[in-house]
C-alpha atoms as a PDB file:
ATOM      1  CA  MET A   1      86.625 129.177 122.644  1.00  0.00           C
ATOM      2  CA  SER A   2      89.618 127.278 123.972  1.00  0.00           C
ATOM      3  CA  GLY A   3      89.893 125.558 120.600  1.00  0.00           C
ATOM      4  CA  LEU A   4      90.549 128.898 118.940  1.00  0.00           C
ATOM      5  CA  ALA A   5      93.277 129.642 121.457  1.00  0.00           C
ATOM      6  CA  LEU A   6      95.076 126.562 120.164  1.00  0.00           C
ATOM      7  CA  LEU A   7      94.231 126.743 116.461  1.00  0.00           C
ATOM      8  CA  ILE A   8      95.117 130.385 115.808  1.00  0.00           C
ATOM      9  CA  PRO A   9      98.735 130.158 117.057  1.00  0.00           C
ATOM     10  CA  LEU A  10      99.096 126.790 115.325  1.00  0.00           C
ATOM     11  CA  ALA A  11      97.920 128.285 112.019  1.00  0.00           C
ATOM     12  CA  LEU A  12     100.298 131.223 112.405  1.00  0.00           C
ATOM     13  CA  LEU A  13     103.184 128.878 113.174  1.00  0.00           C
ATOM     14  CA  LEU A  14     102.473 126.709 110.136  1.00  0.00           C
ATOM     15  CA  GLY A  15     102.186 129.807 107.951  1.00  0.00           C
ATOM     16  CA  LEU A  16     105.544 131.077 109.173  1.00  0.00           C
ATOM     17  CA  CYS A  17     107.115 127.659 108.539  1.00  0.00           C
ATOM     18  CA  GLY A  18     105.782 127.696 104.976  1.00  0.00           C
ATOM     19  CA  LEU A  19     107.069 131.225 104.424  1.00  0.00           C
ATOM     20  CA  ALA A  20     110.492 130.272 105.796  1.00  0.00           C
ATOM     21  CA  ALA A  21     110.605 127.231 103.485  1.00  0.00           C
ATOM     22  CA  PHE A  22     109.733 129.441 100.517  1.00  0.00           C
ATOM     23  CA  PHE A  23     112.474 131.953 101.301  1.00  0.00           C
ATOM     24  CA  TRP A  24     114.964 129.122 101.860  1.00  0.00           C
ATOM     25  CA  SER A  25     114.140 127.670  98.444  1.00  0.00           C
ATOM     26  CA  MET A  26     114.540 131.096  96.849  1.00  0.00           C
ATOM     27  CA  ARG A  27     117.994 131.521  98.413  1.00  0.00           C
ATOM     28  CA  SER A  28     119.146 128.021  97.455  1.00  0.00           C
ATOM     29  CA  GLY A  29     118.363 128.593  93.758  1.00  0.00           C
ATOM     30  CA  GLN A  30     115.326 126.357  93.296  1.00  0.00           C
ATOM     31  CA  PHE A  31     113.625 128.899  91.026  1.00  0.00           C
ATOM     32  CA  ASP A  32     116.617 130.022  88.949  1.00  0.00           C
ATOM     33  CA  ASP A  33     115.786 128.120  85.749  1.00  0.00           C
ATOM     34  CA  LEU A  34     112.021 127.891  85.359  1.00  0.00           C
ATOM     35  CA  ASP A  35     111.993 127.044  81.651  1.00  0.00           C
ATOM     36  CA  GLY A  36     114.889 124.584  81.605  1.00  0.00           C
ATOM     37  CA  ALA A  37     113.049 121.494  82.806  1.00  0.00           C
ATOM     38  CA  GLY A  38     110.094 122.188  80.533  1.00  0.00           C
ATOM     39  CA  MET A  39     112.258 122.586  77.457  1.00  0.00           C
ATOM     40  CA  ARG A  40     114.598 119.702  78.301  1.00  0.00           C
ATOM     41  CA  ILE A  41     111.820 117.165  77.805  1.00  0.00           C
ATOM     42  CA  LEU A  42     111.257 118.443  74.254  1.00  0.00           C
ATOM     43  CA  LEU A  43     114.873 117.945  73.128  1.00  0.00           C
ATOM     44  CA  ASP A  44     115.455 114.929  70.921  1.00  0.00           C
ATOM     45  CA  GLU A  45     118.746 113.396  72.009  1.00  0.00           C
ATOM     46  CA  ASP A  46     119.960 109.891  71.175  1.00  0.00           C
ATOM     47  CA  ASP A  47     121.798 108.316  74.088  1.00  0.00           C
ATOM     48  CA  GLY A  48     123.366 105.504  72.224  1.00  0.00           C
END
């Protein structure tokens, strides 16, 4: 039973850290251009 008293708050803390990281990435613009990287690999550009 004492294991649950440690694991439940630890799981909640890790979940909140993951949620905070997700919201931080949303605010910093990580998900602004979802198709750009996928389409950029298909472009045929000669570098030289």
